[in-house]
Amino acid sequence: FLDYYATGALDVDAAAEVVRGIAEGCRQAGCGLIGGETAEMPGMYHGGDYDLAGFSVGAVRRGRVLPQNVGAGDVLLGLPSSGIHSNGISLVRR
């Protein structure tokens, strides 16, 4: 798992608590927290606001590639974005 934490000004205690929660979630899921990124973006976030994102990577054997056994009645969730999220956000804002 990799995480991304962005804030206006880094509050080390708050960020550490977030990372502890991510690490616990990884422990429960049986995956490793292998890295991440922390960004201070004072023009984007104010007060204690922060943006948190994460994703998992992995490998799968041929023949086990998804989708498998997908059919009527299965549920697919799509979540709306709150806006542009990018490592190049300062360029996107121009």
PDB file of N, CA and C in Angstrom:
ATOM      1  N   PHE A   1       0.851  -1.172   0.000  1.00  0.00           N
ATOM      2  CA  PHE A   1       0.000   0.000   0.000  1.00  0.00           C
ATOM      3  C   PHE A   1       0.893   1.229   0.000  1.00  0.00           C
ATOM      4  N   LEU A   2       0.474   2.254  -0.713  1.00  0.00           N
ATOM      5  CA  LEU A   2       1.152   3.551  -0.727  1.00  0.00           C
ATOM      6  C   LEU A   2       0.135   4.622  -0.366  1.00  0.00           C
ATOM      7  N   ASP A   3       0.571   5.601   0.404  1.00  0.00           N
ATOM      8  CA  ASP A   3      -0.352   6.652   0.801  1.00  0.00           C
ATOM      9  C   ASP A   3       0.139   8.015   0.335  1.00  0.00           C
ATOM     10  N   TYR A   4      -0.777   8.973   0.295  1.00  0.00           N
ATOM     11  CA  TYR A   4      -0.489  10.359  -0.055  1.00  0.00           C
ATOM     12  C   TYR A   4      -1.230  11.226   0.953  1.00  0.00           C
ATOM     13  N   TYR A   5      -0.493  12.122   1.623  1.00  0.00           N
ATOM     14  CA  TYR A   5      -1.053  12.997   2.654  1.00  0.00           C
ATOM     15  C   TYR A   5      -0.650  14.419   2.306  1.00  0.00           C
ATOM     16  N   ALA A   6      -1.621  15.298   2.056  1.00  0.00           N
ATOM     17  CA  ALA A   6      -1.342  16.692   1.728  1.00  0.00           C
ATOM     18  C   ALA A   6      -2.060  17.592   2.717  1.00  0.00           C
ATOM     19  N   THR A   7      -1.398  18.671   3.112  1.00  0.00           N
ATOM     20  CA  THR A   7      -1.951  19.607   4.081  1.00  0.00           C
ATOM     21  C   THR A   7      -1.360  20.990   3.839  1.00  0.00           C
ATOM     22  N   GLY A   8      -1.963  21.994   4.433  1.00  0.00           N
ATOM     23  CA  GLY A   8      -1.425  23.346   4.296  1.00  0.00           C
ATOM     24  C   GLY A   8      -0.138  23.523   5.069  1.00  0.00           C
ATOM     25  N   ALA A   9      -0.104  23.031   6.286  1.00  0.00           N
ATOM     26  CA  ALA A   9       1.086  23.070   7.137  1.00  0.00           C
ATOM     27  C   ALA A   9       1.104  21.773   7.933  1.00  0.00           C
ATOM     28  N   LEU A  10       2.206  21.078   7.869  1.00  0.00           N
ATOM     29  CA  LEU A  10       2.289  19.757   8.485  1.00  0.00           C
ATOM     30  C   LEU A  10       2.185  19.832  10.011  1.00  0.00           C
ATOM     31  N   ASP A  11       1.201  19.126  10.551  1.00  0.00           N
ATOM     32  CA  ASP A  11       1.065  18.894  11.990  1.00  0.00           C
ATOM     33  C   ASP A  11       1.571  17.469  12.200  1.00  0.00           C
ATOM     34  N   VAL A  12       2.787  17.348  12.698  1.00  0.00           N
ATOM     35  CA  VAL A  12       3.445  16.042  12.794  1.00  0.00           C
ATOM     36  C   VAL A  12       2.617  15.055  13.609  1.00  0.00           C
ATOM     37  N   ASP A  13       2.030  15.491  14.716  1.00  0.00           N
ATOM     38  CA  ASP A  13       1.239  14.581  15.545  1.00  0.00           C
ATOM     39  C   ASP A  13       0.001  14.071  14.805  1.00  0.00           C
ATOM     40  N   ALA A  14      -0.703  14.967  14.096  1.00  0.00           N
ATOM     41  CA  ALA A  14      -1.896  14.558  13.348  1.00  0.00           C
ATOM     42  C   ALA A  14      -1.513  13.612  12.209  1.00  0.00           C
ATOM     43  N   ALA A  15      -0.449  13.932  11.500  1.00  0.00           N
ATOM     44  CA  ALA A  15      -0.011  13.076  10.396  1.00  0.00           C
ATOM     45  C   ALA A  15       0.427  11.705  10.905  1.00  0.00           C
ATOM     46  N   ALA A  16       1.126  11.684  12.037  1.00  0.00           N
ATOM     47  CA  ALA A  16       1.572  10.404  12.607  1.00  0.00           C
ATOM     48  C   ALA A  16       0.375   9.542  12.994  1.00  0.00           C
ATOM     49  N   GLU A  17      -0.676  10.164  13.518  1.00  0.00           N
ATOM     50  CA  GLU A  17      -1.877   9.406  13.888  1.00  0.00           C
ATOM     51  C   GLU A  17      -2.547   8.817  12.643  1.00  0.00           C
ATOM     52  N   VAL A  18      -2.597   9.598  11.566  1.00  0.00           N
ATOM     53  CA  VAL A  18      -3.167   9.101  10.310  1.00  0.00           C
ATOM     54  C   VAL A  18      -2.357   7.913   9.805  1.00  0.00           C
ATOM     55  N   VAL A  19      -1.032   8.044   9.794  1.00  0.00           N
ATOM     56  CA  VAL A  19      -0.177   6.960   9.299  1.00  0.00           C
ATOM     57  C   VAL A  19      -0.297   5.720  10.189  1.00  0.00           C
ATOM     58  N   ARG A  20      -0.424   5.921  11.497  1.00  0.00           N
ATOM     59  CA  ARG A  20      -0.646   4.764  12.392  1.00  0.00           C
ATOM     60  C   ARG A  20      -1.934   4.035  12.007  1.00  0.00           C
ATOM     61  N   GLY A  21      -2.988   4.786  11.688  1.00  0.00           N
ATOM     62  CA  GLY A  21      -4.242   4.171  11.268  1.00  0.00           C
ATOM     63  C   GLY A  21      -4.098   3.423   9.951  1.00  0.00           C
ATOM     64  N   ILE A  22      -3.365   4.000   9.016  1.00  0.00           N
ATOM     65  CA  ILE A  22      -3.122   3.325   7.738  1.00  0.00           C
ATOM     66  C   ILE A  22      -2.332   2.043   7.980  1.00  0.00           C
ATOM     67  N   ALA A  23      -1.301   2.126   8.810  1.00  0.00           N
ATOM     68  CA  ALA A  23      -0.473   0.951   9.106  1.00  0.00           C
ATOM     69  C   ALA A  23      -1.307  -0.154   9.756  1.00  0.00           C
ATOM     70  N   GLU A  24      -2.222   0.215  10.641  1.00  0.00           N
ATOM     71  CA  GLU A  24      -3.087  -0.781  11.277  1.00  0.00           C
ATOM     72  C   GLU A  24      -4.009  -1.413  10.239  1.00  0.00           C
ATOM     73  N   GLY A  25      -4.552  -0.594   9.332  1.00  0.00           N
ATOM     74  CA  GLY A  25      -5.386  -1.143   8.265  1.00  0.00           C
ATOM     75  C   GLY A  25      -4.605  -2.110   7.384  1.00  0.00           C
ATOM     76  N   CYS A  26      -3.361  -1.761   7.103  1.00  0.00           N
ATOM     77  CA  CYS A  26      -2.507  -2.658   6.308  1.00  0.00           C
ATOM     78  C   CYS A  26      -2.257  -3.959   7.070  1.00  0.00           C
ATOM     79  N   ARG A  27      -2.010  -3.851   8.361  1.00  0.00           N
ATOM     80  CA  ARG A  27      -1.788  -5.053   9.172  1.00  0.00           C
ATOM     81  C   ARG A  27      -3.013  -5.957   9.114  1.00  0.00           C
ATOM     82  N   GLN A  28      -4.199  -5.363   9.276  1.00  0.00           N
ATOM     83  CA  GLN A  28      -5.431  -6.154   9.243  1.00  0.00           C
ATOM     84  C   GLN A  28      -5.657  -6.791   7.878  1.00  0.00           C
ATOM     85  N   ALA A  29      -5.245  -6.106   6.811  1.00  0.00           N
ATOM     86  CA  ALA A  29      -5.448  -6.612   5.459  1.00  0.00           C
ATOM     87  C   ALA A  29      -4.328  -7.547   5.004  1.00  0.00           C
ATOM     88  N   GLY A  30      -3.273  -7.631   5.798  1.00  0.00           N
ATOM     89  CA  GLY A  30      -2.157  -8.498   5.437  1.00  0.00           C
ATOM     90  C   GLY A  30      -1.299  -7.944   4.320  1.00  0.00           C
ATOM     91  N   CYS A  31      -1.220  -6.624   4.218  1.00  0.00           N
ATOM     92  CA  CYS A  31      -0.365  -6.023   3.192  1.00  0.00           C
ATOM     93  C   CYS A  31       0.627  -5.070   3.862  1.00  0.00           C
ATOM     94  N   GLY A  32       1.652  -4.716   3.143  1.00  0.00           N
ATOM     95  CA  GLY A  32       2.680  -3.834   3.680  1.00  0.00           C
ATOM     96  C   GLY A  32       2.447  -2.384   3.282  1.00  0.00           C
ATOM     97  N   LEU A  33       2.785  -1.483   4.185  1.00  0.00           N
ATOM     98  CA  LEU A  33       2.811  -0.051   3.880  1.00  0.00           C
ATOM     99  C   LEU A  33       4.227   0.217   3.376  1.00  0.00           C
ATOM    100  N   ILE A  34       4.386   0.292   2.055  1.00  0.00           N
ATOM    101  CA  ILE A  34       5.727   0.316   1.481  1.00  0.00           C
ATOM    102  C   ILE A  34       6.231   1.715   1.140  1.00  0.00           C
ATOM    103  N   GLY A  35       5.391   2.717   1.287  1.00  0.00           N
ATOM    104  CA  GLY A  35       5.854   4.072   0.998  1.00  0.00           C
ATOM    105  C   GLY A  35       4.705   5.033   0.966  1.00  0.00           C
ATOM    106  N   GLY A  36       5.046   6.266   0.658  1.00  0.00           N
ATOM    107  CA  GLY A  36       4.020   7.287   0.577  1.00  0.00           C
ATOM    108  C   GLY A  36       4.634   8.637   0.308  1.00  0.00           C
ATOM    109  N   GLU A  37       3.773   9.631   0.307  1.00  0.00           N
ATOM    110  CA  GLU A  37       4.209  10.998   0.046  1.00  0.00           C
ATOM    111  C   GLU A  37       3.473  11.930   0.991  1.00  0.00           C
ATOM    112  N   THR A  38       4.190  12.928   1.477  1.00  0.00           N
ATOM    113  CA  THR A  38       3.605  13.985   2.297  1.00  0.00           C
ATOM    114  C   THR A  38       3.890  15.303   1.599  1.00  0.00           C
ATOM    115  N   ALA A  39       2.865  16.118   1.438  1.00  0.00           N
ATOM    116  CA  ALA A  39       3.027  17.398   0.750  1.00  0.00           C
ATOM    117  C   ALA A  39       2.435  18.524   1.590  1.00  0.00           C
ATOM    118  N   GLU A  40       3.168  19.630   1.688  1.00  0.00           N
ATOM    119  CA  GLU A  40       2.648  20.853   2.288  1.00  0.00           C
ATOM    120  C   GLU A  40       2.250  21.788   1.157  1.00  0.00           C
ATOM    121  N   MET A  41       0.981  22.173   1.147  1.00  0.00           N
ATOM    122  CA  MET A  41       0.450  23.016   0.085  1.00  0.00           C
ATOM    123  C   MET A  41      -0.400  24.120   0.709  1.00  0.00           C
ATOM    124  N   PRO A  42       0.253  25.167   1.250  1.00  0.00           N
ATOM    125  CA  PRO A  42      -0.486  26.206   1.972  1.00  0.00           C
ATOM    126  C   PRO A  42      -1.524  26.943   1.129  1.00  0.00           C
ATOM    127  N   GLY A  43      -1.380  26.955  -0.180  1.00  0.00           N
ATOM    128  CA  GLY A  43      -2.362  27.623  -1.028  1.00  0.00           C
ATOM    129  C   GLY A  43      -3.612  26.798  -1.266  1.00  0.00           C
ATOM    130  N   MET A  44      -3.572  25.528  -0.901  1.00  0.00           N
ATOM    131  CA  MET A  44      -4.698  24.634  -1.166  1.00  0.00           C
ATOM    132  C   MET A  44      -5.491  24.253   0.080  1.00  0.00           C
ATOM    133  N   TYR A  45      -4.814  24.106   1.208  1.00  0.00           N
ATOM    134  CA  TYR A  45      -5.456  23.613   2.435  1.00  0.00           C
ATOM    135  C   TYR A  45      -5.258  24.620   3.562  1.00  0.00           C
ATOM    136  N   HIS A  46      -6.263  24.743   4.405  1.00  0.00           N
ATOM    137  CA  HIS A  46      -6.217  25.734   5.480  1.00  0.00           C
ATOM    138  C   HIS A  46      -6.566  25.075   6.810  1.00  0.00           C
ATOM    139  N   GLY A  47      -6.035  25.625   7.881  1.00  0.00           N
ATOM    140  CA  GLY A  47      -6.311  25.076   9.211  1.00  0.00           C
ATOM    141  C   GLY A  47      -5.828  23.649   9.309  1.00  0.00           C
ATOM    142  N   GLY A  48      -6.650  22.787   9.846  1.00  0.00           N
ATOM    143  CA  GLY A  48      -6.297  21.381  10.000  1.00  0.00           C
ATOM    144  C   GLY A  48      -6.734  20.507   8.834  1.00  0.00           C
ATOM    145  N   ASP A  49      -7.148  21.136   7.716  1.00  0.00           N
ATOM    146  CA  ASP A  49      -7.604  20.363   6.561  1.00  0.00           C
ATOM    147  C   ASP A  49      -6.468  19.555   5.960  1.00  0.00           C
ATOM    148  N   TYR A  50      -6.798  18.387   5.452  1.00  0.00           N
ATOM    149  CA  TYR A  50      -5.820  17.588   4.723  1.00  0.00           C
ATOM    150  C   TYR A  50      -6.524  16.709   3.705  1.00  0.00           C
ATOM    151  N   ASP A  51      -5.759  16.233   2.753  1.00  0.00           N
ATOM    152  CA  ASP A  51      -6.235  15.337   1.708  1.00  0.00           C
ATOM    153  C   ASP A  51      -5.488  14.030   1.891  1.00  0.00           C
ATOM    154  N   LEU A  52      -6.198  12.940   1.818  1.00  0.00           N
ATOM    155  CA  LEU A  52      -5.592  11.631   2.018  1.00  0.00           C
ATOM    156  C   LEU A  52      -6.031  10.713   0.890  1.00  0.00           C
ATOM    157  N   ALA A  53      -5.062  10.052   0.292  1.00  0.00           N
ATOM    158  CA  ALA A  53      -5.360   9.097  -0.773  1.00  0.00           C
ATOM    159  C   ALA A  53      -4.423   7.909  -0.616  1.00  0.00           C
ATOM    160  N   GLY A  54      -4.785   6.808  -1.201  1.00  0.00           N
ATOM    161  CA  GLY A  54      -3.925   5.642  -1.138  1.00  0.00           C
ATOM    162  C   GLY A  54      -4.293   4.645  -2.206  1.00  0.00           C
ATOM    163  N   PHE A  55      -3.363   3.779  -2.495  1.00  0.00           N
ATOM    164  CA  PHE A  55      -3.639   2.724  -3.453  1.00  0.00           C
ATOM    165  C   PHE A  55      -2.761   1.522  -3.179  1.00  0.00           C
ATOM    166  N   SER A  56      -3.202   0.409  -3.684  1.00  0.00           N
ATOM    167  CA  SER A  56      -2.477  -0.851  -3.527  1.00  0.00           C
ATOM    168  C   SER A  56      -1.972  -1.320  -4.882  1.00  0.00           C
ATOM    169  N   VAL A  57      -0.864  -1.978  -4.842  1.00  0.00           N
ATOM    170  CA  VAL A  57      -0.311  -2.601  -6.040  1.00  0.00           C
ATOM    171  C   VAL A  57      -0.067  -4.064  -5.729  1.00  0.00           C
ATOM    172  N   GLY A  58      -0.004  -4.869  -6.747  1.00  0.00           N
ATOM    173  CA  GLY A  58       0.232  -6.283  -6.492  1.00  0.00           C
ATOM    174  C   GLY A  58       0.451  -7.047  -7.781  1.00  0.00           C
ATOM    175  N   ALA A  59       0.560  -8.316  -7.637  1.00  0.00           N
ATOM    176  CA  ALA A  59       0.756  -9.213  -8.780  1.00  0.00           C
ATOM    177  C   ALA A  59      -0.281 -10.323  -8.706  1.00  0.00           C
ATOM    178  N   VAL A  60      -0.626 -10.843  -9.858  1.00  0.00           N
ATOM    179  CA  VAL A  60      -1.599 -11.922  -9.934  1.00  0.00           C
ATOM    180  C   VAL A  60      -1.120 -12.932 -10.971  1.00  0.00           C
ATOM    181  N   ARG A  61      -1.358 -14.175 -10.687  1.00  0.00           N
ATOM    182  CA  ARG A  61      -0.991 -15.228 -11.636  1.00  0.00           C
ATOM    183  C   ARG A  61      -1.977 -15.253 -12.793  1.00  0.00           C
ATOM    184  N   ARG A  62      -1.458 -15.605 -13.961  1.00  0.00           N
ATOM    185  CA  ARG A  62      -2.342 -15.795 -15.119  1.00  0.00           C
ATOM    186  C   ARG A  62      -3.428 -16.795 -14.752  1.00  0.00           C
ATOM    187  N   GLY A  63      -4.600 -16.574 -15.239  1.00  0.00           N
ATOM    188  CA  GLY A  63      -5.707 -17.460 -14.926  1.00  0.00           C
ATOM    189  C   GLY A  63      -6.470 -17.014 -13.689  1.00  0.00           C
ATOM    190  N   ARG A  64      -5.883 -16.110 -12.904  1.00  0.00           N
ATOM    191  CA  ARG A  64      -6.555 -15.576 -11.713  1.00  0.00           C
ATOM    192  C   ARG A  64      -6.902 -14.099 -11.901  1.00  0.00           C
ATOM    193  N   VAL A  65      -6.646 -13.582 -13.109  1.00  0.00           N
ATOM    194  CA  VAL A  65      -6.902 -12.179 -13.405  1.00  0.00           C
ATOM    195  C   VAL A  65      -8.398 -11.914 -13.345  1.00  0.00           C
ATOM    196  N   LEU A  66      -8.774 -10.805 -12.749  1.00  0.00           N
ATOM    197  CA  LEU A  66     -10.182 -10.427 -12.649  1.00  0.00           C
ATOM    198  C   LEU A  66     -10.633  -9.791 -13.945  1.00  0.00           C
ATOM    199  N   PRO A  67     -11.901  -9.753 -14.271  1.00  0.00           N
ATOM    200  CA  PRO A  67     -12.994 -10.241 -13.444  1.00  0.00           C
ATOM    201  C   PRO A  67     -13.224 -11.738 -13.626  1.00  0.00           C
ATOM    202  N   GLN A  68     -13.576 -12.380 -12.575  1.00  0.00           N
ATOM    203  CA  GLN A  68     -13.970 -13.785 -12.586  1.00  0.00           C
ATOM    204  C   GLN A  68     -15.288 -13.896 -11.838  1.00  0.00           C
ATOM    205  N   ASN A  69     -16.166 -14.685 -12.363  1.00  0.00           N
ATOM    206  CA  ASN A  69     -17.460 -14.945 -11.713  1.00  0.00           C
ATOM    207  C   ASN A  69     -18.236 -13.668 -11.414  1.00  0.00           C
ATOM    208  N   VAL A  70     -18.197 -12.706 -12.325  1.00  0.00           N
ATOM    209  CA  VAL A  70     -18.952 -11.471 -12.160  1.00  0.00           C
ATOM    210  C   VAL A  70     -20.258 -11.638 -12.913  1.00  0.00           C
ATOM    211  N   GLY A  71     -21.345 -11.234 -12.278  1.00  0.00           N
ATOM    212  CA  GLY A  71     -22.626 -11.412 -12.943  1.00  0.00           C
ATOM    213  C   GLY A  71     -23.699 -10.494 -12.416  1.00  0.00           C
ATOM    214  N   ALA A  72     -24.887 -10.716 -12.897  1.00  0.00           N
ATOM    215  CA  ALA A  72     -26.043  -9.918 -12.483  1.00  0.00           C
ATOM    216  C   ALA A  72     -26.180  -9.958 -10.972  1.00  0.00           C
ATOM    217  N   GLY A  73     -26.454  -8.809 -10.403  1.00  0.00           N
ATOM    218  CA  GLY A  73     -26.624  -8.702  -8.958  1.00  0.00           C
ATOM    219  C   GLY A  73     -25.363  -8.271  -8.236  1.00  0.00           C
ATOM    220  N   ASP A  74     -24.195  -8.346  -8.900  1.00  0.00           N
ATOM    221  CA  ASP A  74     -22.957  -7.859  -8.292  1.00  0.00           C
ATOM    222  C   ASP A  74     -23.014  -6.336  -8.229  1.00  0.00           C
ATOM    223  N   VAL A  75     -22.271  -5.751  -7.323  1.00  0.00           N
ATOM    224  CA  VAL A  75     -22.292  -4.309  -7.129  1.00  0.00           C
ATOM    225  C   VAL A  75     -20.920  -3.724  -7.448  1.00  0.00           C
ATOM    226  N   LEU A  76     -20.911  -2.656  -8.214  1.00  0.00           N
ATOM    227  CA  LEU A  76     -19.705  -1.899  -8.515  1.00  0.00           C
ATOM    228  C   LEU A  76     -19.904  -0.498  -7.963  1.00  0.00           C
ATOM    229  N   LEU A  77     -18.979  -0.039  -7.133  1.00  0.00           N
ATOM    230  CA  LEU A  77     -19.097   1.287  -6.540  1.00  0.00           C
ATOM    231  C   LEU A  77     -18.210   2.272  -7.282  1.00  0.00           C
ATOM    232  N   GLY A  78     -18.748   3.429  -7.594  1.00  0.00           N
ATOM    233  CA  GLY A  78     -17.983   4.530  -8.178  1.00  0.00           C
ATOM    234  C   GLY A  78     -18.145   5.736  -7.276  1.00  0.00           C
ATOM    235  N   LEU A  79     -17.047   6.278  -6.807  1.00  0.00           N
ATOM    236  CA  LEU A  79     -17.093   7.414  -5.892  1.00  0.00           C
ATOM    237  C   LEU A  79     -16.693   8.690  -6.621  1.00  0.00           C
ATOM    238  N   PRO A  80     -17.423   9.770  -6.414  1.00  0.00           N
ATOM    239  CA  PRO A  80     -17.078  11.015  -7.104  1.00  0.00           C
ATOM    240  C   PRO A  80     -15.799  11.627  -6.530  1.00  0.00           C
ATOM    241  N   SER A  81     -15.079  12.324  -7.373  1.00  0.00           N
ATOM    242  CA  SER A  81     -13.876  13.027  -6.940  1.00  0.00           C
ATOM    243  C   SER A  81     -14.262  14.393  -6.390  1.00  0.00           C
ATOM    244  N   SER A  82     -13.508  14.874  -5.423  1.00  0.00           N
ATOM    245  CA  SER A  82     -13.744  16.220  -4.893  1.00  0.00           C
ATOM    246  C   SER A  82     -12.987  17.268  -5.702  1.00  0.00           C
ATOM    247  N   GLY A  83     -12.279  16.836  -6.733  1.00  0.00           N
ATOM    248  CA  GLY A  83     -11.545  17.777  -7.579  1.00  0.00           C
ATOM    249  C   GLY A  83     -10.303  17.124  -8.142  1.00  0.00           C
ATOM    250  N   ILE A  84      -9.424  17.958  -8.646  1.00  0.00           N
ATOM    251  CA  ILE A  84      -8.179  17.468  -9.241  1.00  0.00           C
ATOM    252  C   ILE A  84      -7.215  17.068  -8.130  1.00  0.00           C
ATOM    253  N   HIS A  85      -6.634  15.891  -8.261  1.00  0.00           N
ATOM    254  CA  HIS A  85      -5.629  15.406  -7.318  1.00  0.00           C
ATOM    255  C   HIS A  85      -4.427  14.982  -8.147  1.00  0.00           C
ATOM    256  N   SER A  86      -3.311  15.671  -7.958  1.00  0.00           N
ATOM    257  CA  SER A  86      -2.157  15.419  -8.806  1.00  0.00           C
ATOM    258  C   SER A  86      -0.890  15.867  -8.111  1.00  0.00           C
ATOM    259  N   ASN A  87       0.201  15.147  -8.362  1.00  0.00           N
ATOM    260  CA  ASN A  87       1.499  15.613  -7.871  1.00  0.00           C
ATOM    261  C   ASN A  87       1.858  16.949  -8.488  1.00  0.00           C
ATOM    262  N   GLY A  88       1.315  17.255  -9.641  1.00  0.00           N
ATOM    263  CA  GLY A  88       1.591  18.511 -10.324  1.00  0.00           C
ATOM    264  C   GLY A  88       0.502  19.551 -10.104  1.00  0.00           C
ATOM    265  N   ILE A  89      -0.109  19.560  -8.928  1.00  0.00           N
ATOM    266  CA  ILE A  89      -1.258  20.457  -8.684  1.00  0.00           C
ATOM    267  C   ILE A  89      -0.880  21.909  -8.870  1.00  0.00           C
ATOM    268  N   SER A  90       0.350  22.304  -8.557  1.00  0.00           N
ATOM    269  CA  SER A  90       0.739  23.707  -8.749  1.00  0.00           C
ATOM    270  C   SER A  90       0.717  24.068 -10.227  1.00  0.00           C
ATOM    271  N   LEU A  91       1.014  23.115 -11.098  1.00  0.00           N
ATOM    272  CA  LEU A  91       0.941  23.372 -12.543  1.00  0.00           C
ATOM    273  C   LEU A  91      -0.500  23.363 -13.022  1.00  0.00           C
ATOM    274  N   VAL A  92      -1.328  22.491 -12.463  1.00  0.00           N
ATOM    275  CA  VAL A  92      -2.729  22.411 -12.857  1.00  0.00           C
ATOM    276  C   VAL A  92      -3.454  23.718 -12.525  1.00  0.00           C
ATOM    277  N   ARG A  93      -3.074  24.339 -11.414  1.00  0.00           N
ATOM    278  CA  ARG A  93      -3.738  25.582 -10.977  1.00  0.00           C
ATOM    279  C   ARG A  93      -3.422  26.764 -11.877  1.00  0.00           C
ATOM    280  N   ARG A  94      -2.353  26.698 -12.663  1.00  0.00           N
ATOM    281  CA  ARG A  94      -2.003  27.825 -13.532  1.00  0.00           C
ATOM    282  C   ARG A  94      -2.987  27.917 -14.621  1.00  0.00           C
TER     283      ARG A  94
END
